[in-house]
PDB file of N, CA and C in Angstrom:
ATOM      1  N   UNK A   1     126.340 101.659  73.194  1.00  0.00           N
ATOM      2  CA  UNK A   1     125.313 101.635  73.087  1.00  0.00           C
ATOM      3  C   UNK A   1     125.048 100.662  72.286  1.00  0.00           C
ATOM      4  N   UNK A   2     123.179  99.879  72.409  1.00  0.00           N
ATOM      5  CA  UNK A   2     122.650  98.984  71.802  1.00  0.00           C
ATOM      6  C   UNK A   2     121.440  99.260  71.046  1.00  0.00           C
ATOM      7  N   UNK A   3     121.405  99.237  70.240  1.00  0.00           N
ATOM      8  CA  UNK A   3     119.629  99.157  69.293  1.00  0.00           C
ATOM      9  C   UNK A   3     119.391  98.283  68.939  1.00  0.00           C
ATOM     10  N   UNK A   4     118.513  97.930  69.069  1.00  0.00           N
ATOM     11  CA  UNK A   4     117.564  96.685  68.894  1.00  0.00           C
ATOM     12  C   UNK A   4     116.210  96.928  67.834  1.00  0.00           C
ATOM     13  N   UNK A   5     116.203  96.357  66.946  1.00  0.00           N
ATOM     14  CA  UNK A   5     115.073  96.532  65.759  1.00  0.00           C
ATOM     15  C   UNK A   5     113.853  95.633  65.362  1.00  0.00           C
ATOM     16  N   UNK A   6     113.052  95.355  65.501  1.00  0.00           N
ATOM     17  CA  UNK A   6     112.168  94.477  65.076  1.00  0.00           C
ATOM     18  C   UNK A   6     111.451  94.397  64.371  1.00  0.00           C
ATOM     19  N   UNK A   7     111.379  93.086  63.338  1.00  0.00           N
ATOM     20  CA  UNK A   7     110.568  93.571  62.195  1.00  0.00           C
ATOM     21  C   UNK A   7     109.806  91.659  62.459  1.00  0.00           C
ATOM     22  N   UNK A   8     108.749  91.704  61.996  1.00  0.00           N
ATOM     23  CA  UNK A   8     107.978  90.471  61.559  1.00  0.00           C
ATOM     24  C   UNK A   8     107.629  90.105  60.207  1.00  0.00           C
ATOM     25  N   UNK A   9     108.576  89.197  60.126  1.00  0.00           N
ATOM     26  CA  UNK A   9     108.072  88.227  58.460  1.00  0.00           C
ATOM     27  C   UNK A   9     106.732  87.766  58.601  1.00  0.00           C
ATOM     28  N   UNK A  10     106.243  86.924  59.736  1.00  0.00           N
ATOM     29  CA  UNK A  10     104.642  86.715  59.798  1.00  0.00           C
ATOM     30  C   UNK A  10     104.354  87.055  61.034  1.00  0.00           C
ATOM     31  N   UNK A  11     103.219  85.964  61.675  1.00  0.00           N
ATOM     32  CA  UNK A  11     102.355  86.432  62.979  1.00  0.00           C
ATOM     33  C   UNK A  11     103.695  85.218  64.069  1.00  0.00           C
ATOM     34  N   UNK A  12     104.099  84.164  63.400  1.00  0.00           N
ATOM     35  CA  UNK A  12     104.890  83.460  63.853  1.00  0.00           C
ATOM     36  C   UNK A  12     106.031  83.729  64.324  1.00  0.00           C
ATOM     37  N   UNK A  13     106.986  84.645  63.203  1.00  0.00           N
ATOM     38  CA  UNK A  13     108.080  85.065  63.579  1.00  0.00           C
ATOM     39  C   UNK A  13     108.701  86.513  63.358  1.00  0.00           C
ATOM     40  N   UNK A  14     109.533  87.137  64.475  1.00  0.00           N
ATOM     41  CA  UNK A  14     110.293  87.892  64.445  1.00  0.00           C
ATOM     42  C   UNK A  14     111.826  87.880  64.164  1.00  0.00           C
ATOM     43  N   UNK A  15     111.803  89.211  63.727  1.00  0.00           N
ATOM     44  CA  UNK A  15     113.547  89.373  63.446  1.00  0.00           C
ATOM     45  C   UNK A  15     113.945  90.391  64.499  1.00  0.00           C
ATOM     46  N   UNK A  16     114.954  89.914  65.412  1.00  0.00           N
ATOM     47  CA  UNK A  16     115.629  91.053  66.157  1.00  0.00           C
ATOM     48  C   UNK A  16     116.885  91.996  65.386  1.00  0.00           C
ATOM     49  N   UNK A  17     116.998  92.811  65.083  1.00  0.00           N
ATOM     50  CA  UNK A  17     118.397  93.438  64.336  1.00  0.00           C
ATOM     51  C   UNK A  17     119.108  93.560  66.035  1.00  0.00           C
ATOM     52  N   UNK A  18     120.379  93.478  66.366  1.00  0.00           N
ATOM     53  CA  UNK A  18     120.752  93.801  66.967  1.00  0.00           C
ATOM     54  C   UNK A  18     122.095  94.795  66.693  1.00  0.00           C
ATOM     55  N   UNK A  19     121.923  95.978  67.304  1.00  0.00           N
ATOM     56  CA  UNK A  19     123.501  97.169  66.544  1.00  0.00           C
ATOM     57  C   UNK A  19     124.262  97.200  67.836  1.00  0.00           C
ATOM     58  N   UNK A  20     125.527  97.662  67.751  1.00  0.00           N
ATOM     59  CA  UNK A  20     126.290  98.195  68.441  1.00  0.00           C
ATOM     60  C   UNK A  20     126.805  97.085  69.868  1.00  0.00           C
ATOM     61  N   UNK A  21     127.369  97.093  70.955  1.00  0.00           N
ATOM     62  CA  UNK A  21     127.320  96.584  72.005  1.00  0.00           C
ATOM     63  C   UNK A  21     126.491  96.082  72.735  1.00  0.00           C
ATOM     64  N   UNK A  22     126.952  94.530  73.018  1.00  0.00           N
ATOM     65  CA  UNK A  22     126.647  93.997  73.596  1.00  0.00           C
ATOM     66  C   UNK A  22     126.947  93.469  75.070  1.00  0.00           C
ATOM     67  N   UNK A  23     126.870  94.953  76.056  1.00  0.00           N
ATOM     68  CA  UNK A  23     127.715  94.428  77.694  1.00  0.00           C
ATOM     69  C   UNK A  23     126.965  94.260  78.328  1.00  0.00           C
ATOM     70  N   UNK A  24     127.100  94.333  79.767  1.00  0.00           N
ATOM     71  CA  UNK A  24     126.415  94.028  81.123  1.00  0.00           C
ATOM     72  C   UNK A  24     125.756  94.914  80.740  1.00  0.00           C
ATOM     73  N   UNK A  25     125.301  96.112  80.756  1.00  0.00           N
ATOM     74  CA  UNK A  25     124.570  97.313  81.234  1.00  0.00           C
ATOM     75  C   UNK A  25     123.336  96.662  79.931  1.00  0.00           C
ATOM     76  N   UNK A  26     123.558  96.588  79.045  1.00  0.00           N
ATOM     77  CA  UNK A  26     122.479  96.592  78.518  1.00  0.00           C
ATOM     78  C   UNK A  26     121.466  95.189  78.067  1.00  0.00           C
ATOM     79  N   UNK A  27     122.375  94.033  79.024  1.00  0.00           N
ATOM     80  CA  UNK A  27     122.034  92.879  78.854  1.00  0.00           C
ATOM     81  C   UNK A  27     120.244  92.746  79.338  1.00  0.00           C
ATOM     82  N   UNK A  28     119.866  93.485  80.512  1.00  0.00           N
ATOM     83  CA  UNK A  28     118.405  93.246  80.658  1.00  0.00           C
ATOM     84  C   UNK A  28     117.201  93.619  79.510  1.00  0.00           C
ATOM     85  N   UNK A  29     118.147  95.002  78.885  1.00  0.00           N
ATOM     86  CA  UNK A  29     117.246  95.243  77.715  1.00  0.00           C
ATOM     87  C   UNK A  29     117.258  94.508  76.513  1.00  0.00           C
ATOM     88  N   UNK A  30     118.233  94.117  76.339  1.00  0.00           N
ATOM     89  CA  UNK A  30     118.047  92.628  75.487  1.00  0.00           C
ATOM     90  C   UNK A  30     117.035  91.091  75.448  1.00  0.00           C
ATOM     91  N   UNK A  31     117.398  91.284  76.803  1.00  0.00           N
ATOM     92  CA  UNK A  31     116.763  89.481  77.506  1.00  0.00           C
ATOM     93  C   UNK A  31     114.915  89.620  77.383  1.00  0.00           C
ATOM     94  N   UNK A  32     115.227  91.486  77.679  1.00  0.00           N
ATOM     95  CA  UNK A  32     113.454  91.646  78.073  1.00  0.00           C
ATOM     96  C   UNK A  32     112.726  92.076  76.409  1.00  0.00           C
ATOM     97  N   UNK A  33     113.120  92.674  75.201  1.00  0.00           N
ATOM     98  CA  UNK A  33     112.984  92.590  74.603  1.00  0.00           C
ATOM     99  C   UNK A  33     113.180  90.742  73.770  1.00  0.00           C
ATOM    100  N   UNK A  34     114.303  90.296  73.633  1.00  0.00           N
ATOM    101  CA  UNK A  34     113.731  89.166  72.931  1.00  0.00           C
ATOM    102  C   UNK A  34     112.428  88.310  73.814  1.00  0.00           C
ATOM    103  N   UNK A  35     112.137  87.978  75.070  1.00  0.00           N
ATOM    104  CA  UNK A  35     111.481  87.585  75.706  1.00  0.00           C
ATOM    105  C   UNK A  35     109.963  87.837  75.698  1.00  0.00           C
ATOM    106  N   UNK A  36     109.767  88.922  75.273  1.00  0.00           N
ATOM    107  CA  UNK A  36     108.595  90.193  74.580  1.00  0.00           C
ATOM    108  C   UNK A  36     107.851  89.568  73.124  1.00  0.00           C
ATOM    109  N   UNK A  37     109.709  88.718  72.652  1.00  0.00           N
ATOM    110  CA  UNK A  37     109.421  88.814  70.465  1.00  0.00           C
ATOM    111  C   UNK A  37     108.710  87.350  71.045  1.00  0.00           C
ATOM    112  N   UNK A  38     109.124  86.466  71.554  1.00  0.00           N
ATOM    113  CA  UNK A  38     108.955  85.084  71.992  1.00  0.00           C
ATOM    114  C   UNK A  38     107.724  85.132  72.421  1.00  0.00           C
ATOM    115  N   UNK A  39     106.760  85.683  73.123  1.00  0.00           N
ATOM    116  CA  UNK A  39     105.742  85.526  73.957  1.00  0.00           C
ATOM    117  C   UNK A  39     104.951  85.895  72.544  1.00  0.00           C
ATOM    118  N   UNK A  40     104.967  86.939  71.982  1.00  0.00           N
ATOM    119  CA  UNK A  40     103.764  87.677  70.746  1.00  0.00           C
ATOM    120  C   UNK A  40     103.755  86.665  69.368  1.00  0.00           C
ATOM    121  N   UNK A  41     105.273  86.187  68.952  1.00  0.00           N
ATOM    122  CA  UNK A  41     105.577  85.549  68.019  1.00  0.00           C
ATOM    123  C   UNK A  41     105.467  84.123  67.786  1.00  0.00           C
ATOM    124  N   UNK A  42     105.785  83.572  69.164  1.00  0.00           N
ATOM    125  CA  UNK A  42     106.232  81.993  68.991  1.00  0.00           C
ATOM    126  C   UNK A  42     108.010  81.680  68.781  1.00  0.00           C
ATOM    127  N   UNK A  43     108.744  82.151  67.697  1.00  0.00           N
ATOM    128  CA  UNK A  43     109.419  82.166  67.336  1.00  0.00           C
ATOM    129  C   UNK A  43     110.426  83.021  66.707  1.00  0.00           C
ATOM    130  N   UNK A  44     111.676  83.468  67.667  1.00  0.00           N
ATOM    131  CA  UNK A  44     112.157  84.849  67.306  1.00  0.00           C
ATOM    132  C   UNK A  44     113.867  84.658  66.782  1.00  0.00           C
ATOM    133  N   UNK A  45     114.130  85.434  65.904  1.00  0.00           N
ATOM    134  CA  UNK A  45     115.876  85.374  65.045  1.00  0.00           C
ATOM    135  C   UNK A  45     116.555  86.501  66.044  1.00  0.00           C
ATOM    136  N   UNK A  46     117.307  86.331  65.938  1.00  0.00           N
ATOM    137  CA  UNK A  46     118.374  86.832  66.935  1.00  0.00           C
ATOM    138  C   UNK A  46     119.287  87.546  65.357  1.00  0.00           C
ATOM    139  N   UNK A  47     119.174  88.977  65.109  1.00  0.00           N
ATOM    140  CA  UNK A  47     120.283  89.105  63.933  1.00  0.00           C
ATOM    141  C   UNK A  47     121.328  89.849  64.976  1.00  0.00           C
ATOM    142  N   UNK A  48     122.573  88.944  64.489  1.00  0.00           N
ATOM    143  CA  UNK A  48     123.985  89.893  65.347  1.00  0.00           C
ATOM    144  C   UNK A  48     124.576  90.334  63.797  1.00  0.00           C
ATOM    145  N   UNK A  49     124.590  90.404  63.023  1.00  0.00           N
ATOM    146  CA  UNK A  49     125.544  91.107  61.804  1.00  0.00           C
ATOM    147  C   UNK A  49     126.073  92.277  62.196  1.00  0.00           C
ATOM    148  N   UNK A  50     125.653  92.829  63.150  1.00  0.00           N
ATOM    149  CA  UNK A  50     126.126  94.356  63.116  1.00  0.00           C
ATOM    150  C   UNK A  50     126.103  94.560  64.867  1.00  0.00           C
ATOM    151  N   UNK A  51     126.711  93.599  65.377  1.00  0.00           N
ATOM    152  CA  UNK A  51     127.162  93.591  67.070  1.00  0.00           C
ATOM    153  C   UNK A  51     128.241  93.975  66.175  1.00  0.00           C
ATOM    154  N   UNK A  52     128.995  95.131  67.239  1.00  0.00           N
ATOM    155  CA  UNK A  52     130.543  94.756  67.167  1.00  0.00           C
ATOM    156  C   UNK A  52     131.469  94.479  68.508  1.00  0.00           C
ATOM    157  N   UNK A  53     131.150  94.048  69.604  1.00  0.00           N
ATOM    158  CA  UNK A  53     131.516  94.206  70.900  1.00  0.00           C
ATOM    159  C   UNK A  53     130.612  93.307  71.999  1.00  0.00           C
ATOM    160  N   UNK A  54     131.193  91.955  72.514  1.00  0.00           N
ATOM    161  CA  UNK A  54     130.445  91.207  73.201  1.00  0.00           C
ATOM    162  C   UNK A  54     131.388  91.238  74.782  1.00  0.00           C
ATOM    163  N   UNK A  55     130.822  91.499  75.931  1.00  0.00           N
ATOM    164  CA  UNK A  55     131.806  90.993  77.090  1.00  0.00           C
ATOM    165  C   UNK A  55     131.221  90.074  77.404  1.00  0.00           C
ATOM    166  N   UNK A  56     131.481  89.610  78.596  1.00  0.00           N
ATOM    167  CA  UNK A  56     131.460  88.078  78.937  1.00  0.00           C
ATOM    168  C   UNK A  56     130.113  87.870  79.731  1.00  0.00           C
ATOM    169  N   UNK A  57     129.222  89.202  80.002  1.00  0.00           N
ATOM    170  CA  UNK A  57     127.815  88.660  80.626  1.00  0.00           C
ATOM    171  C   UNK A  57     127.039  89.242  78.965  1.00  0.00           C
ATOM    172  N   UNK A  58     127.431  89.753  78.555  1.00  0.00           N
ATOM    173  CA  UNK A  58     126.740  89.866  77.056  1.00  0.00           C
ATOM    174  C   UNK A  58     126.864  87.970  76.161  1.00  0.00           C
ATOM    175  N   UNK A  59     128.028  88.031  76.410  1.00  0.00           N
ATOM    176  CA  UNK A  59     128.397  86.421  76.334  1.00  0.00           C
ATOM    177  C   UNK A  59     127.167  85.004  77.005  1.00  0.00           C
ATOM    178  N   UNK A  60     127.086  85.442  77.975  1.00  0.00           N
ATOM    179  CA  UNK A  60     125.866  84.289  78.909  1.00  0.00           C
ATOM    180  C   UNK A  60     124.719  84.536  78.627  1.00  0.00           C
ATOM    181  N   UNK A  61     124.236  86.114  78.200  1.00  0.00           N
ATOM    182  CA  UNK A  61     122.943  86.115  77.569  1.00  0.00           C
ATOM    183  C   UNK A  61     122.853  85.760  76.501  1.00  0.00           C
ATOM    184  N   UNK A  62     123.419  85.478  75.522  1.00  0.00           N
ATOM    185  CA  UNK A  62     123.348  84.983  74.224  1.00  0.00           C
ATOM    186  C   UNK A  62     123.210  83.833  74.145  1.00  0.00           C
ATOM    187  N   UNK A  63     124.332  82.927  75.179  1.00  0.00           N
ATOM    188  CA  UNK A  63     124.372  81.607  75.406  1.00  0.00           C
ATOM    189  C   UNK A  63     122.836  81.664  75.881  1.00  0.00           C
ATOM    190  N   UNK A  64     122.004  81.603  76.816  1.00  0.00           N
ATOM    191  CA  UNK A  64     120.715  81.568  77.302  1.00  0.00           C
ATOM    192  C   UNK A  64     119.808  81.756  75.922  1.00  0.00           C
ATOM    193  N   UNK A  65     120.231  82.427  75.610  1.00  0.00           N
ATOM    194  CA  UNK A  65     119.118  83.346  74.747  1.00  0.00           C
ATOM    195  C   UNK A  65     119.127  82.028  73.551  1.00  0.00           C
ATOM    196  N   UNK A  66     120.255  81.717  72.763  1.00  0.00           N
ATOM    197  CA  UNK A  66     120.452  80.542  71.693  1.00  0.00           C
ATOM    198  C   UNK A  66     119.810  79.411  72.365  1.00  0.00           C
ATOM    199  N   UNK A  67     119.559  79.053  73.728  1.00  0.00           N
ATOM    200  CA  UNK A  67     119.070  77.682  74.455  1.00  0.00           C
ATOM    201  C   UNK A  67     117.980  77.476  73.874  1.00  0.00           C
ATOM    202  N   UNK A  68     117.297  78.761  73.984  1.00  0.00           N
ATOM    203  CA  UNK A  68     116.105  78.922  74.508  1.00  0.00           C
ATOM    204  C   UNK A  68     114.821  79.547  73.705  1.00  0.00           C
ATOM    205  N   UNK A  69     114.698  78.513  72.309  1.00  0.00           N
ATOM    206  CA  UNK A  69     113.883  78.295  71.471  1.00  0.00           C
ATOM    207  C   UNK A  69     114.080  79.630  70.550  1.00  0.00           C
ATOM    208  N   UNK A  70     115.404  80.356  70.986  1.00  0.00           N
ATOM    209  CA  UNK A  70     115.720  81.831  69.406  1.00  0.00           C
ATOM    210  C   UNK A  70     116.870  81.260  69.119  1.00  0.00           C
ATOM    211  N   UNK A  71     116.802  81.964  67.743  1.00  0.00           N
ATOM    212  CA  UNK A  71     117.422  81.300  66.279  1.00  0.00           C
ATOM    213  C   UNK A  71     118.550  82.816  66.617  1.00  0.00           C
ATOM    214  N   UNK A  72     120.109  81.994  66.691  1.00  0.00           N
ATOM    215  CA  UNK A  72     121.083  83.391  66.538  1.00  0.00           C
ATOM    216  C   UNK A  72     121.366  83.727  64.997  1.00  0.00           C
ATOM    217  N   UNK A  73     121.514  84.012  64.121  1.00  0.00           N
ATOM    218  CA  UNK A  73     121.557  84.115  62.720  1.00  0.00           C
ATOM    219  C   UNK A  73     122.528  85.754  62.293  1.00  0.00           C
ATOM    220  N   UNK A  74     123.256  85.172  61.181  1.00  0.00           N
ATOM    221  CA  UNK A  74     124.004  86.202  60.845  1.00  0.00           C
ATOM    222  C   UNK A  74     124.812  86.791  61.696  1.00  0.00           C
ATOM    223  N   UNK A  75     125.613  86.144  62.905  1.00  0.00           N
ATOM    224  CA  UNK A  75     126.584  85.904  63.651  1.00  0.00           C
ATOM    225  C   UNK A  75     127.963  86.311  63.501  1.00  0.00           C
ATOM    226  N   UNK A  76     128.513  87.105  63.524  1.00  0.00           N
ATOM    227  CA  UNK A  76     129.883  87.568  62.635  1.00  0.00           C
ATOM    228  C   UNK A  76     130.999  86.616  63.849  1.00  0.00           C
ATOM    229  N   UNK A  77     131.550  86.425  62.585  1.00  0.00           N
ATOM    230  CA  UNK A  77     132.562  84.797  62.941  1.00  0.00           C
ATOM    231  C   UNK A  77     133.268  85.340  64.694  1.00  0.00           C
ATOM    232  N   UNK A  78     134.232  86.534  65.379  1.00  0.00           N
ATOM    233  CA  UNK A  78     134.494  86.552  66.159  1.00  0.00           C
ATOM    234  C   UNK A  78     133.069  86.083  67.453  1.00  0.00           C
ATOM    235  N   UNK A  79     132.135  86.205  67.511  1.00  0.00           N
ATOM    236  CA  UNK A  79     131.297  85.775  68.568  1.00  0.00           C
ATOM    237  C   UNK A  79     130.801  84.459  68.015  1.00  0.00           C
ATOM    238  N   UNK A  80     130.798  84.147  67.061  1.00  0.00           N
ATOM    239  CA  UNK A  80     130.264  82.884  66.827  1.00  0.00           C
ATOM    240  C   UNK A  80     131.516  81.778  67.342  1.00  0.00           C
ATOM    241  N   UNK A  81     132.600  81.890  67.463  1.00  0.00           N
ATOM    242  CA  UNK A  81     133.596  80.938  68.427  1.00  0.00           C
ATOM    243  C   UNK A  81     133.852  81.520  69.317  1.00  0.00           C
ATOM    244  N   UNK A  82     133.386  82.536  70.348  1.00  0.00           N
ATOM    245  CA  UNK A  82     132.897  82.706  71.521  1.00  0.00           C
ATOM    246  C   UNK A  82     131.810  81.778  72.059  1.00  0.00           C
ATOM    247  N   UNK A  83     131.014  81.948  71.746  1.00  0.00           N
ATOM    248  CA  UNK A  83     129.502  81.049  71.680  1.00  0.00           C
ATOM    249  C   UNK A  83     129.680  79.696  71.370  1.00  0.00           C
ATOM    250  N   UNK A  84     130.792  79.171  71.016  1.00  0.00           N
ATOM    251  CA  UNK A  84     131.300  77.859  70.558  1.00  0.00           C
ATOM    252  C   UNK A  84     132.191  77.387  71.550  1.00  0.00           C
ATOM    253  N   UNK A  85     132.705  78.333  72.355  1.00  0.00           N
ATOM    254  CA  UNK A  85     133.855  77.831  73.636  1.00  0.00           C
ATOM    255  C   UNK A  85     133.236  78.049  74.468  1.00  0.00           C
ATOM    256  N   UNK A  86     133.403  76.250  74.773  1.00  0.00           N
ATOM    257  CA  UNK A  86     132.996  75.998  76.501  1.00  0.00           C
ATOM    258  C   UNK A  86     132.929  76.968  77.498  1.00  0.00           C
TER     259      UNK A  86
END
């Protein structure tokens, strides 16, 4: 299960709190929410503090999102290591 909550600190900044598992079946939902937030706010922070698991497709999506004007924050150590590994 994946849950995404949006909060806007300002008109130009939104934070998406991601909770649960970032796995293949939820990747399209995550990407859609990120792109919508980017269109509406311009700058988006993706808070991964409540993510418990990431599979290969989820990891690829996070890498793509992190490379496209989206800031990943509060990343658990195990996910940070996966994102840094080529």
